[in-house]
Amino acid sequence: MTSPRYTLYTRLLVLLPAAFWACQPAPRDAEPENEPGWLWSDERVMETVNAVRAGRSLQPDTWPGGTRVAVLLSFDVDNETVLGLRYGDATVGSLSQGQFGARVALPRVVGLLDREGIPASFFIPAVSLVLNPFQADIIQAAGHHEFAIHGWIHELNSTLDAETERALLERAVEYMTDVTGVRPLGYRAPSWNFSPNTLDIIREMGFLYDSSLMADDRPYEINAHGEPTGMVELPVEWILDDAPLFNPLGTRYSHPRDVLQVWKDDFDGAYAEGTMFLLTMHPHVIGHRSRIVVLKELIRYIKGHEGVWFATHLEAARYVKEQAGL
């Protein structure tokens, strides 16, 4: 008998080309020309800025068990979705880099986390699981990691109309729920950006928290047009992301051990403030042998401090929401 997972898997592979083309941005000549801000009316400035804005801080007085700092490690399991598929420029070489993420890097990363007894959150474009479904079993084996949504095919959601964006996100949630047995409650926008419709969509779909925005380095409530939404934001930051800093083809490349020092310094600041240290990594980036040592050394450095709470994003979001009475 054909399993439900296999049936959905094959159906999604049939739908994959259509989903990919639906995610492509409009041709450049079809996009409206942006006016510079000095030509905007005051009303337009205020409306644009206040569409999605940081509201009240959700920083709790203390973390569970009287701990001093929350440490949230997250991994965006992008693999082939960002190495060829979303832009339609797939090559055998780029796709092989993506396969490395699933085949070698993810087991290496999860192995380290599990040896250290640390939970983490895995934000996954659904197509990454469609192509490499065994990843779900690797992540689930320890029983304490979180599955969260990172789009369907790492689409440029900020370029999509509401109907397309919602359809792709619903498909991603359906597939991940089927594969993992758990309905994901966390969302991270592909490329960390919202369309004018993203916030409404994720609220309507019942997500508990978002982790895409950068208005603070503590948890906060998202406001929409000046009104509180009840949506928890666990903010990210590019200096706390391995991808731009470890890319040897980029102009921002930094030596991994230099980045380790930056991350240690940021943790020290969070520890002194009693707040939150949230790090974003990618298995196909951090999972190389010369880079996994950075994560290993960081974990051991953090463990050298008393009062550290290692948590998934979902655990942290639930805690701060409860403490704030949302």
C-alpha atoms as a PDB file:
ATOM      1  CA  MET A   1       0.000   0.000   0.000  1.00  0.00           C
ATOM      2  CA  THR A   2       1.280   3.458  -0.861  1.00  0.00           C
ATOM      3  CA  SER A   3       2.004   5.528   2.245  1.00  0.00           C
ATOM      4  CA  PRO A   4       0.339   8.950   2.688  1.00  0.00           C
ATOM      5  CA  ARG A   5       3.784  10.527   2.908  1.00  0.00           C
ATOM      6  CA  TYR A   6       4.857   8.997  -0.421  1.00  0.00           C
ATOM      7  CA  THR A   7       1.600  10.058  -2.084  1.00  0.00           C
ATOM      8  CA  LEU A   8       1.968  13.642  -0.944  1.00  0.00           C
ATOM      9  CA  TYR A   9       5.667  13.592  -1.833  1.00  0.00           C
ATOM     10  CA  THR A  10       5.006  12.551  -5.432  1.00  0.00           C
ATOM     11  CA  ARG A  11       2.115  15.014  -5.750  1.00  0.00           C
ATOM     12  CA  LEU A  12       4.340  17.841  -4.567  1.00  0.00           C
ATOM     13  CA  LEU A  13       7.051  16.908  -7.056  1.00  0.00           C
ATOM     14  CA  VAL A  14       4.477  17.275  -9.824  1.00  0.00           C
ATOM     15  CA  LEU A  15       3.464  20.667  -8.451  1.00  0.00           C
ATOM     16  CA  LEU A  16       7.040  21.836  -7.972  1.00  0.00           C
ATOM     17  CA  PRO A  17       7.593  23.412 -11.417  1.00  0.00           C
ATOM     18  CA  ALA A  18       4.354  25.385 -11.201  1.00  0.00           C
ATOM     19  CA  ALA A  19       5.176  26.547  -7.698  1.00  0.00           C
ATOM     20  CA  PHE A  20       8.609  27.627  -8.813  1.00  0.00           C
ATOM     21  CA  TRP A  21       7.344  29.758 -11.682  1.00  0.00           C
ATOM     22  CA  ALA A  22       4.682  31.256  -9.439  1.00  0.00           C
ATOM     23  CA  CYS A  23       7.451  32.480  -7.162  1.00  0.00           C
ATOM     24  CA  GLN A  24       9.388  34.384  -9.798  1.00  0.00           C
ATOM     25  CA  PRO A  25       9.391  38.174  -9.457  1.00  0.00           C
ATOM     26  CA  ALA A  26       7.697  40.264 -12.103  1.00  0.00           C
ATOM     27  CA  PRO A  27       9.908  41.453 -14.971  1.00  0.00           C
ATOM     28  CA  ARG A  28      11.781  44.584 -14.013  1.00  0.00           C
ATOM     29  CA  ASP A  29      10.045  46.715 -16.617  1.00  0.00           C
ATOM     30  CA  ALA A  30       6.675  45.768 -15.088  1.00  0.00           C
ATOM     31  CA  GLU A  31       7.582  47.111 -11.659  1.00  0.00           C
ATOM     32  CA  PRO A  32       6.465  50.646 -10.759  1.00  0.00           C
ATOM     33  CA  GLU A  33       9.289  53.107 -10.451  1.00  0.00           C
ATOM     34  CA  ASN A  34       9.931  54.071  -6.851  1.00  0.00           C
ATOM     35  CA  GLU A  35       9.701  57.714  -5.957  1.00  0.00           C
ATOM     36  CA  PRO A  36      12.381  59.052  -3.596  1.00  0.00           C
ATOM     37  CA  GLY A  37      11.191  59.717  -0.059  1.00  0.00           C
ATOM     38  CA  TRP A  38      11.522  63.479  -0.310  1.00  0.00           C
ATOM     39  CA  LEU A  39       8.641  63.450  -2.798  1.00  0.00           C
ATOM     40  CA  TRP A  40       6.348  61.568  -0.455  1.00  0.00           C
ATOM     41  CA  SER A  41       3.602  63.199   1.547  1.00  0.00           C
ATOM     42  CA  ASP A  42       3.805  63.055   5.338  1.00  0.00           C
ATOM     43  CA  GLU A  43       0.814  60.721   5.290  1.00  0.00           C
ATOM     44  CA  ARG A  44       2.556  58.306   2.951  1.00  0.00           C
ATOM     45  CA  VAL A  45       5.690  58.320   5.104  1.00  0.00           C
ATOM     46  CA  MET A  46       3.732  57.523   8.241  1.00  0.00           C
ATOM     47  CA  GLU A  47       1.599  54.869   6.563  1.00  0.00           C
ATOM     48  CA  THR A  48       4.642  53.123   5.119  1.00  0.00           C
ATOM     49  CA  VAL A  49       6.648  53.169   8.328  1.00  0.00           C
ATOM     50  CA  ASN A  50       3.776  52.097  10.579  1.00  0.00           C
ATOM     51  CA  ALA A  51       2.502  49.218   8.437  1.00  0.00           C
ATOM     52  CA  VAL A  52       4.628  46.746  10.449  1.00  0.00           C
ATOM     53  CA  ARG A  53       6.432  48.128  13.465  1.00  0.00           C
ATOM     54  CA  ALA A  54       7.904  46.980  16.761  1.00  0.00           C
ATOM     55  CA  GLY A  55       5.451  47.359  19.602  1.00  0.00           C
ATOM     56  CA  ARG A  56       6.012  46.756  23.281  1.00  0.00           C
ATOM     57  CA  SER A  57       9.012  44.803  24.484  1.00  0.00           C
ATOM     58  CA  LEU A  58       8.249  41.266  25.585  1.00  0.00           C
ATOM     59  CA  GLN A  59      11.493  40.941  27.503  1.00  0.00           C
ATOM     60  CA  PRO A  60      10.612  39.017  30.691  1.00  0.00           C
ATOM     61  CA  ASP A  61      11.984  39.927  34.105  1.00  0.00           C
ATOM     62  CA  THR A  62      13.622  36.521  34.278  1.00  0.00           C
ATOM     63  CA  TRP A  63      13.876  33.394  32.178  1.00  0.00           C
ATOM     64  CA  PRO A  64      12.626  29.924  33.255  1.00  0.00           C
ATOM     65  CA  GLY A  65      14.116  28.631  36.463  1.00  0.00           C
ATOM     66  CA  GLY A  66      15.629  31.993  37.264  1.00  0.00           C
ATOM     67  CA  THR A  67      18.101  31.743  34.401  1.00  0.00           C
ATOM     68  CA  ARG A  68      19.789  34.912  33.194  1.00  0.00           C
ATOM     69  CA  VAL A  69      19.850  34.627  29.401  1.00  0.00           C
ATOM     70  CA  ALA A  70      17.932  32.775  26.684  1.00  0.00           C
ATOM     71  CA  VAL A  71      20.038  31.212  23.921  1.00  0.00           C
ATOM     72  CA  LEU A  72      18.107  30.365  20.762  1.00  0.00           C
ATOM     73  CA  LEU A  73      20.015  28.540  18.037  1.00  0.00           C
ATOM     74  CA  SER A  74      18.264  28.293  14.677  1.00  0.00           C
ATOM     75  CA  PHE A  75      19.131  26.655  11.368  1.00  0.00           C
ATOM     76  CA  ASP A  76      17.638  27.564   8.002  1.00  0.00           C
ATOM     77  CA  VAL A  77      17.727  24.276   6.091  1.00  0.00           C
ATOM     78  CA  ASP A  78      17.729  25.845   2.629  1.00  0.00           C
ATOM     79  CA  ASN A  79      19.933  23.475   0.613  1.00  0.00           C
ATOM     80  CA  GLU A  80      18.917  23.312  -3.066  1.00  0.00           C
ATOM     81  CA  THR A  81      16.188  25.924  -2.665  1.00  0.00           C
ATOM     82  CA  VAL A  82      18.689  28.785  -2.416  1.00  0.00           C
ATOM     83  CA  LEU A  83      21.391  27.069  -4.434  1.00  0.00           C
ATOM     84  CA  GLY A  84      19.650  27.150  -7.782  1.00  0.00           C
ATOM     85  CA  LEU A  85      15.919  26.618  -7.542  1.00  0.00           C
ATOM     86  CA  ARG A  86      14.317  29.862  -6.393  1.00  0.00           C
ATOM     87  CA  TYR A  87      16.056  32.041  -8.996  1.00  0.00           C
ATOM     88  CA  GLY A  88      15.856  29.405 -11.736  1.00  0.00           C
ATOM     89  CA  ASP A  89      19.626  29.413 -12.253  1.00  0.00           C
ATOM     90  CA  ALA A  90      20.203  25.840 -11.117  1.00  0.00           C
ATOM     91  CA  THR A  91      23.401  24.149 -12.205  1.00  0.00           C
ATOM     92  CA  VAL A  92      24.735  20.724 -11.339  1.00  0.00           C
ATOM     93  CA  GLY A  93      27.446  22.363  -9.258  1.00  0.00           C
ATOM     94  CA  SER A  94      25.127  24.596  -7.242  1.00  0.00           C
ATOM     95  CA  LEU A  95      22.663  21.780  -6.615  1.00  0.00           C
ATOM     96  CA  SER A  96      25.506  19.570  -5.384  1.00  0.00           C
ATOM     97  CA  GLN A  97      26.272  22.231  -2.757  1.00  0.00           C
ATOM     98  CA  GLY A  98      22.652  21.993  -1.680  1.00  0.00           C
ATOM     99  CA  GLN A  99      22.826  18.220  -1.482  1.00  0.00           C
ATOM    100  CA  PHE A 100      25.884  18.556   0.757  1.00  0.00           C
ATOM    101  CA  GLY A 101      23.690  20.476   3.190  1.00  0.00           C
ATOM    102  CA  ALA A 102      21.287  17.558   3.513  1.00  0.00           C
ATOM    103  CA  ARG A 103      23.681  14.650   2.997  1.00  0.00           C
ATOM    104  CA  VAL A 104      26.616  15.702   5.180  1.00  0.00           C
ATOM    105  CA  ALA A 105      26.090  18.998   6.980  1.00  0.00           C
ATOM    106  CA  LEU A 106      22.708  18.457   8.642  1.00  0.00           C
ATOM    107  CA  PRO A 107      23.730  15.160  10.294  1.00  0.00           C
ATOM    108  CA  ARG A 108      26.962  16.836  11.418  1.00  0.00           C
ATOM    109  CA  VAL A 109      25.106  19.799  12.940  1.00  0.00           C
ATOM    110  CA  VAL A 110      22.393  17.729  14.619  1.00  0.00           C
ATOM    111  CA  GLY A 111      25.032  15.314  15.923  1.00  0.00           C
ATOM    112  CA  LEU A 112      26.862  18.165  17.640  1.00  0.00           C
ATOM    113  CA  LEU A 113      23.669  19.583  19.141  1.00  0.00           C
ATOM    114  CA  ASP A 114      22.570  16.228  20.442  1.00  0.00           C
ATOM    115  CA  ARG A 115      25.955  15.411  21.959  1.00  0.00           C
ATOM    116  CA  GLU A 116      25.760  18.748  23.795  1.00  0.00           C
ATOM    117  CA  GLY A 117      22.109  18.160  24.761  1.00  0.00           C
ATOM    118  CA  ILE A 118      20.957  21.414  23.148  1.00  0.00           C
ATOM    119  CA  PRO A 119      17.567  21.959  21.434  1.00  0.00           C
ATOM    120  CA  ALA A 120      17.355  24.075  18.296  1.00  0.00           C
ATOM    121  CA  SER A 121      14.798  25.347  15.800  1.00  0.00           C
ATOM    122  CA  PHE A 122      14.968  24.277  12.153  1.00  0.00           C
ATOM    123  CA  PHE A 123      13.314  26.650   9.675  1.00  0.00           C
ATOM    124  CA  ILE A 124      12.801  24.680   6.498  1.00  0.00           C
ATOM    125  CA  PRO A 125      11.516  25.528   3.019  1.00  0.00           C
ATOM    126  CA  ALA A 126       9.152  22.616   2.360  1.00  0.00           C
ATOM    127  CA  VAL A 127      10.818  21.731  -0.945  1.00  0.00           C
ATOM    128  CA  SER A 128      14.038  21.081   0.967  1.00  0.00           C
ATOM    129  CA  LEU A 129      12.184  18.248   2.724  1.00  0.00           C
ATOM    130  CA  VAL A 130      10.496  17.121  -0.469  1.00  0.00           C
ATOM    131  CA  LEU A 131      13.903  16.603  -2.073  1.00  0.00           C
ATOM    132  CA  ASN A 132      15.524  15.098   1.030  1.00  0.00           C
ATOM    133  CA  PRO A 133      12.740  13.698   3.249  1.00  0.00           C
ATOM    134  CA  PHE A 134      15.206  11.775   5.442  1.00  0.00           C
ATOM    135  CA  GLN A 135      16.141  15.107   7.048  1.00  0.00           C
ATOM    136  CA  ALA A 136      12.935  15.001   9.081  1.00  0.00           C
ATOM    137  CA  ASP A 137      13.990  11.772  10.773  1.00  0.00           C
ATOM    138  CA  ILE A 138      17.464  13.157  11.564  1.00  0.00           C
ATOM    139  CA  ILE A 139      15.995  16.227  13.250  1.00  0.00           C
ATOM    140  CA  GLN A 140      13.248  14.318  15.077  1.00  0.00           C
ATOM    141  CA  ALA A 141      15.481  11.584  16.490  1.00  0.00           C
ATOM    142  CA  ALA A 142      16.557  13.575  19.586  1.00  0.00           C
ATOM    143  CA  GLY A 143      12.962  14.510  20.409  1.00  0.00           C
ATOM    144  CA  HIS A 144      13.667  18.107  21.444  1.00  0.00           C
ATOM    145  CA  HIS A 145      14.138  20.100  18.218  1.00  0.00           C
ATOM    146  CA  GLU A 146      11.534  22.329  16.573  1.00  0.00           C
ATOM    147  CA  PHE A 147      10.333  22.301  12.970  1.00  0.00           C
ATOM    148  CA  ALA A 148       9.351  25.726  11.663  1.00  0.00           C
ATOM    149  CA  ILE A 149       8.373  27.170   8.286  1.00  0.00           C
ATOM    150  CA  HIS A 150      10.707  29.024   5.917  1.00  0.00           C
ATOM    151  CA  GLY A 151       8.464  29.194   2.871  1.00  0.00           C
ATOM    152  CA  TRP A 152       7.729  26.681   0.147  1.00  0.00           C
ATOM    153  CA  ILE A 153      10.800  26.977  -2.100  1.00  0.00           C
ATOM    154  CA  HIS A 154      12.521  29.934  -0.410  1.00  0.00           C
ATOM    155  CA  GLU A 155      10.375  32.104  -2.672  1.00  0.00           C
ATOM    156  CA  LEU A 156      10.755  35.860  -2.763  1.00  0.00           C
ATOM    157  CA  ASN A 157       7.536  36.329  -0.837  1.00  0.00           C
ATOM    158  CA  SER A 158       7.888  40.119  -0.824  1.00  0.00           C
ATOM    159  CA  THR A 159       7.307  40.114  -4.611  1.00  0.00           C
ATOM    160  CA  LEU A 160       4.179  37.948  -4.578  1.00  0.00           C
ATOM    161  CA  ASP A 161       0.512  38.836  -4.610  1.00  0.00           C
ATOM    162  CA  ALA A 162      -1.469  37.800  -1.546  1.00  0.00           C
ATOM    163  CA  GLU A 163      -3.161  34.818  -3.180  1.00  0.00           C
ATOM    164  CA  THR A 164       0.104  33.263  -4.372  1.00  0.00           C
ATOM    165  CA  GLU A 165       1.938  33.934  -1.110  1.00  0.00           C
ATOM    166  CA  ARG A 166      -0.868  32.386   0.928  1.00  0.00           C
ATOM    167  CA  ALA A 167      -1.194  29.339  -1.344  1.00  0.00           C
ATOM    168  CA  LEU A 168       2.522  28.550  -1.148  1.00  0.00           C
ATOM    169  CA  LEU A 169       2.582  28.964   2.622  1.00  0.00           C
ATOM    170  CA  GLU A 170      -0.476  26.762   3.074  1.00  0.00           C
ATOM    171  CA  ARG A 171       1.140  24.091   0.907  1.00  0.00           C
ATOM    172  CA  ALA A 172       4.327  24.292   2.960  1.00  0.00           C
ATOM    173  CA  VAL A 173       2.445  23.912   6.243  1.00  0.00           C
ATOM    174  CA  GLU A 174       0.419  20.990   4.894  1.00  0.00           C
ATOM    175  CA  TYR A 175       3.495  19.117   3.762  1.00  0.00           C
ATOM    176  CA  MET A 176       5.567  19.730   6.891  1.00  0.00           C
ATOM    177  CA  THR A 177       2.675  18.727   9.127  1.00  0.00           C
ATOM    178  CA  ASP A 178       2.251  15.495   7.181  1.00  0.00           C
ATOM    179  CA  VAL A 179       5.956  14.636   7.231  1.00  0.00           C
ATOM    180  CA  THR A 180       6.682  15.527  10.862  1.00  0.00           C
ATOM    181  CA  GLY A 181       3.317  14.868  12.485  1.00  0.00           C
ATOM    182  CA  VAL A 182       3.422  18.311  14.118  1.00  0.00           C
ATOM    183  CA  ARG A 183       1.807  21.500  12.852  1.00  0.00           C
ATOM    184  CA  PRO A 184       4.562  24.174  12.798  1.00  0.00           C
ATOM    185  CA  LEU A 185       3.814  27.354  14.752  1.00  0.00           C
ATOM    186  CA  GLY A 186       6.916  29.362  13.875  1.00  0.00           C
ATOM    187  CA  TYR A 187       7.520  31.360  10.695  1.00  0.00           C
ATOM    188  CA  ARG A 188      10.643  32.907   9.203  1.00  0.00           C
ATOM    189  CA  ALA A 189      10.181  34.732   5.939  1.00  0.00           C
ATOM    190  CA  PRO A 190      12.473  33.737   3.087  1.00  0.00           C
ATOM    191  CA  SER A 191      15.207  36.386   2.907  1.00  0.00           C
ATOM    192  CA  TRP A 192      13.796  37.958   6.093  1.00  0.00           C
ATOM    193  CA  ASN A 193      11.319  40.275   4.443  1.00  0.00           C
ATOM    194  CA  PHE A 194       7.562  40.832   4.478  1.00  0.00           C
ATOM    195  CA  SER A 195       5.248  41.659   1.631  1.00  0.00           C
ATOM    196  CA  PRO A 196       2.344  44.009   2.400  1.00  0.00           C
ATOM    197  CA  ASN A 197       0.311  40.851   3.060  1.00  0.00           C
ATOM    198  CA  THR A 198       2.686  38.607   5.027  1.00  0.00           C
ATOM    199  CA  LEU A 199       1.693  39.656   8.525  1.00  0.00           C
ATOM    200  CA  ASP A 200      -2.025  39.246   7.816  1.00  0.00           C
ATOM    201  CA  ILE A 201      -1.410  35.824   6.254  1.00  0.00           C
ATOM    202  CA  ILE A 202       0.642  34.375   9.099  1.00  0.00           C
ATOM    203  CA  ARG A 203      -1.818  35.723  11.672  1.00  0.00           C
ATOM    204  CA  GLU A 204      -4.765  34.205   9.809  1.00  0.00           C
ATOM    205  CA  MET A 205      -2.917  30.882   9.587  1.00  0.00           C
ATOM    206  CA  GLY A 206      -2.411  30.763  13.334  1.00  0.00           C
ATOM    207  CA  PHE A 207       1.340  31.114  13.654  1.00  0.00           C
ATOM    208  CA  LEU A 208       2.429  31.875  17.217  1.00  0.00           C
ATOM    209  CA  TYR A 209       5.565  33.819  16.369  1.00  0.00           C
ATOM    210  CA  ASP A 210       7.689  35.270  13.604  1.00  0.00           C
ATOM    211  CA  SER A 211      11.488  35.404  13.405  1.00  0.00           C
ATOM    212  CA  SER A 212      12.259  37.616  10.402  1.00  0.00           C
ATOM    213  CA  LEU A 213      12.491  41.213  11.565  1.00  0.00           C
ATOM    214  CA  MET A 214      15.202  43.341  13.145  1.00  0.00           C
ATOM    215  CA  ALA A 215      13.731  46.132  15.268  1.00  0.00           C
ATOM    216  CA  ASP A 216      15.279  44.930  18.543  1.00  0.00           C
ATOM    217  CA  ASP A 217      17.558  42.265  19.976  1.00  0.00           C
ATOM    218  CA  ARG A 218      14.933  41.299  22.545  1.00  0.00           C
ATOM    219  CA  PRO A 219      11.545  39.698  21.905  1.00  0.00           C
ATOM    220  CA  TYR A 220       8.763  42.130  21.100  1.00  0.00           C
ATOM    221  CA  GLU A 221       5.144  42.313  20.002  1.00  0.00           C
ATOM    222  CA  ILE A 222       4.506  43.260  16.387  1.00  0.00           C
ATOM    223  CA  ASN A 223       2.236  46.228  15.740  1.00  0.00           C
ATOM    224  CA  ALA A 224       0.261  46.619  12.514  1.00  0.00           C
ATOM    225  CA  HIS A 225      -0.710  50.176  11.558  1.00  0.00           C
ATOM    226  CA  GLY A 226      -0.100  51.253  15.125  1.00  0.00           C
ATOM    227  CA  GLU A 227      -2.201  48.504  16.710  1.00  0.00           C
ATOM    228  CA  PRO A 228      -0.832  45.545  18.724  1.00  0.00           C
ATOM    229  CA  THR A 229      -1.315  42.174  17.042  1.00  0.00           C
ATOM    230  CA  GLY A 230      -0.434  39.656  19.745  1.00  0.00           C
ATOM    231  CA  MET A 231       2.193  38.220  17.381  1.00  0.00           C
ATOM    232  CA  VAL A 232       5.550  37.546  19.037  1.00  0.00           C
ATOM    233  CA  GLU A 233       8.677  38.612  17.165  1.00  0.00           C
ATOM    234  CA  LEU A 234      11.983  36.884  17.915  1.00  0.00           C
ATOM    235  CA  PRO A 235      14.267  39.233  15.986  1.00  0.00           C
ATOM    236  CA  VAL A 236      17.187  38.273  13.781  1.00  0.00           C
ATOM    237  CA  GLU A 237      20.219  40.240  12.598  1.00  0.00           C
ATOM    238  CA  TRP A 238      22.658  39.824   9.702  1.00  0.00           C
ATOM    239  CA  ILE A 239      25.720  40.015  11.970  1.00  0.00           C
ATOM    240  CA  LEU A 240      24.269  36.988  13.775  1.00  0.00           C
ATOM    241  CA  ASP A 241      23.859  34.992  10.548  1.00  0.00           C
ATOM    242  CA  ASP A 242      26.577  32.750   9.134  1.00  0.00           C
ATOM    243  CA  ALA A 243      25.582  32.960   5.453  1.00  0.00           C
ATOM    244  CA  PRO A 244      26.687  36.491   4.474  1.00  0.00           C
ATOM    245  CA  LEU A 245      29.809  36.394   6.627  1.00  0.00           C
ATOM    246  CA  PHE A 246      31.075  32.954   5.587  1.00  0.00           C
ATOM    247  CA  ASN A 247      30.475  33.303   1.834  1.00  0.00           C
ATOM    248  CA  PRO A 248      33.927  33.141   0.175  1.00  0.00           C
ATOM    249  CA  LEU A 249      32.477  34.604  -3.038  1.00  0.00           C
ATOM    250  CA  GLY A 250      31.022  37.637  -1.298  1.00  0.00           C
ATOM    251  CA  THR A 251      32.546  41.008  -0.479  1.00  0.00           C
ATOM    252  CA  ARG A 252      31.634  40.654   3.212  1.00  0.00           C
ATOM    253  CA  TYR A 253      33.623  37.466   3.834  1.00  0.00           C
ATOM    254  CA  SER A 254      35.034  37.134   7.341  1.00  0.00           C
ATOM    255  CA  HIS A 255      37.316  34.478   8.759  1.00  0.00           C
ATOM    256  CA  PRO A 256      35.177  32.027  10.762  1.00  0.00           C
ATOM    257  CA  ARG A 257      37.223  32.507  13.920  1.00  0.00           C
ATOM    258  CA  ASP A 258      36.833  36.270  13.653  1.00  0.00           C
ATOM    259  CA  VAL A 259      33.079  35.725  13.464  1.00  0.00           C
ATOM    260  CA  LEU A 260      33.294  33.479  16.523  1.00  0.00           C
ATOM    261  CA  GLN A 261      34.655  36.416  18.498  1.00  0.00           C
ATOM    262  CA  VAL A 262      31.816  38.660  17.315  1.00  0.00           C
ATOM    263  CA  TRP A 263      29.278  36.051  18.400  1.00  0.00           C
ATOM    264  CA  LYS A 264      30.972  35.650  21.779  1.00  0.00           C
ATOM    265  CA  ASP A 265      30.879  39.412  22.280  1.00  0.00           C
ATOM    266  CA  ASP A 266      27.192  39.524  21.371  1.00  0.00           C
ATOM    267  CA  PHE A 267      26.438  36.722  23.793  1.00  0.00           C
ATOM    268  CA  ASP A 268      28.374  38.563  26.498  1.00  0.00           C
ATOM    269  CA  GLY A 269      26.186  41.615  25.907  1.00  0.00           C
ATOM    270  CA  ALA A 270      22.996  39.566  26.122  1.00  0.00           C
ATOM    271  CA  TYR A 271      24.256  37.886  29.283  1.00  0.00           C
ATOM    272  CA  ALA A 272      25.072  41.219  30.912  1.00  0.00           C
ATOM    273  CA  GLU A 273      21.633  42.586  29.998  1.00  0.00           C
ATOM    274  CA  GLY A 274      19.783  39.403  30.954  1.00  0.00           C
ATOM    275  CA  THR A 275      18.117  39.264  27.552  1.00  0.00           C
ATOM    276  CA  MET A 276      18.313  36.963  24.523  1.00  0.00           C
ATOM    277  CA  PHE A 277      21.007  35.655  22.176  1.00  0.00           C
ATOM    278  CA  LEU A 278      19.528  34.418  18.882  1.00  0.00           C
ATOM    279  CA  LEU A 279      21.781  32.974  16.188  1.00  0.00           C
ATOM    280  CA  THR A 280      20.825  32.015  12.622  1.00  0.00           C
ATOM    281  CA  MET A 281      22.871  29.386  10.794  1.00  0.00           C
ATOM    282  CA  HIS A 282      22.571  27.213   7.699  1.00  0.00           C
ATOM    283  CA  PRO A 283      23.714  23.580   7.665  1.00  0.00           C
ATOM    284  CA  HIS A 284      25.236  23.950   4.185  1.00  0.00           C
ATOM    285  CA  VAL A 285      27.311  26.864   5.537  1.00  0.00           C
ATOM    286  CA  ILE A 286      28.180  26.102   9.167  1.00  0.00           C
ATOM    287  CA  GLY A 287      28.317  22.348   8.542  1.00  0.00           C
ATOM    288  CA  HIS A 288      31.713  22.305   6.854  1.00  0.00           C
ATOM    289  CA  ARG A 289      34.551  20.850   8.926  1.00  0.00           C
ATOM    290  CA  SER A 290      36.451  24.124   9.223  1.00  0.00           C
ATOM    291  CA  ARG A 291      33.306  25.935  10.386  1.00  0.00           C
ATOM    292  CA  ILE A 292      31.546  23.475  12.651  1.00  0.00           C
ATOM    293  CA  VAL A 293      34.407  24.063  15.096  1.00  0.00           C
ATOM    294  CA  VAL A 294      33.126  27.634  15.467  1.00  0.00           C
ATOM    295  CA  LEU A 295      29.724  26.399  16.619  1.00  0.00           C
ATOM    296  CA  LYS A 296      31.347  23.825  18.904  1.00  0.00           C
ATOM    297  CA  GLU A 297      33.574  26.435  20.549  1.00  0.00           C
ATOM    298  CA  LEU A 298      30.688  28.891  20.877  1.00  0.00           C
ATOM    299  CA  ILE A 299      28.496  26.321  22.612  1.00  0.00           C
ATOM    300  CA  ARG A 300      31.232  25.433  25.051  1.00  0.00           C
ATOM    301  CA  TYR A 301      31.924  29.114  25.728  1.00  0.00           C
ATOM    302  CA  ILE A 302      28.247  29.738  26.471  1.00  0.00           C
ATOM    303  CA  LYS A 303      28.072  26.650  28.675  1.00  0.00           C
ATOM    304  CA  GLY A 304      30.883  28.122  30.748  1.00  0.00           C
ATOM    305  CA  HIS A 305      28.392  30.663  32.103  1.00  0.00           C
ATOM    306  CA  GLU A 306      25.828  30.001  34.816  1.00  0.00           C
ATOM    307  CA  GLY A 307      22.143  30.690  34.286  1.00  0.00           C
ATOM    308  CA  VAL A 308      21.842  29.915  30.563  1.00  0.00           C
ATOM    309  CA  TRP A 309      18.543  28.675  29.135  1.00  0.00           C
ATOM    310  CA  PHE A 310      18.963  26.879  25.795  1.00  0.00           C
ATOM    311  CA  ALA A 311      15.540  26.784  24.160  1.00  0.00           C
ATOM    312  CA  THR A 312      13.736  26.421  20.881  1.00  0.00           C
ATOM    313  CA  HIS A 313      12.159  29.511  19.406  1.00  0.00           C
ATOM    314  CA  LEU A 314       8.729  28.058  20.119  1.00  0.00           C
ATOM    315  CA  GLU A 315       9.542  27.517  23.804  1.00  0.00           C
ATOM    316  CA  ALA A 316      10.828  31.087  24.085  1.00  0.00           C
ATOM    317  CA  ALA A 317       7.840  32.558  22.252  1.00  0.00           C
ATOM    318  CA  ARG A 318       5.381  30.700  24.479  1.00  0.00           C
ATOM    319  CA  TYR A 319       7.227  31.812  27.596  1.00  0.00           C
ATOM    320  CA  VAL A 320       7.424  35.515  26.770  1.00  0.00           C
ATOM    321  CA  LYS A 321       3.827  35.530  25.591  1.00  0.00           C
ATOM    322  CA  GLU A 322       2.663  33.985  28.863  1.00  0.00           C
ATOM    323  CA  GLN A 323       4.795  36.369  30.938  1.00  0.00           C
ATOM    324  CA  ALA A 324       3.373  39.354  29.067  1.00  0.00           C
ATOM    325  CA  GLY A 325      -0.199  38.143  29.471  1.00  0.00           C
ATOM    326  CA  LEU A 326      -0.866  38.078  25.718  1.00  0.00           C
END
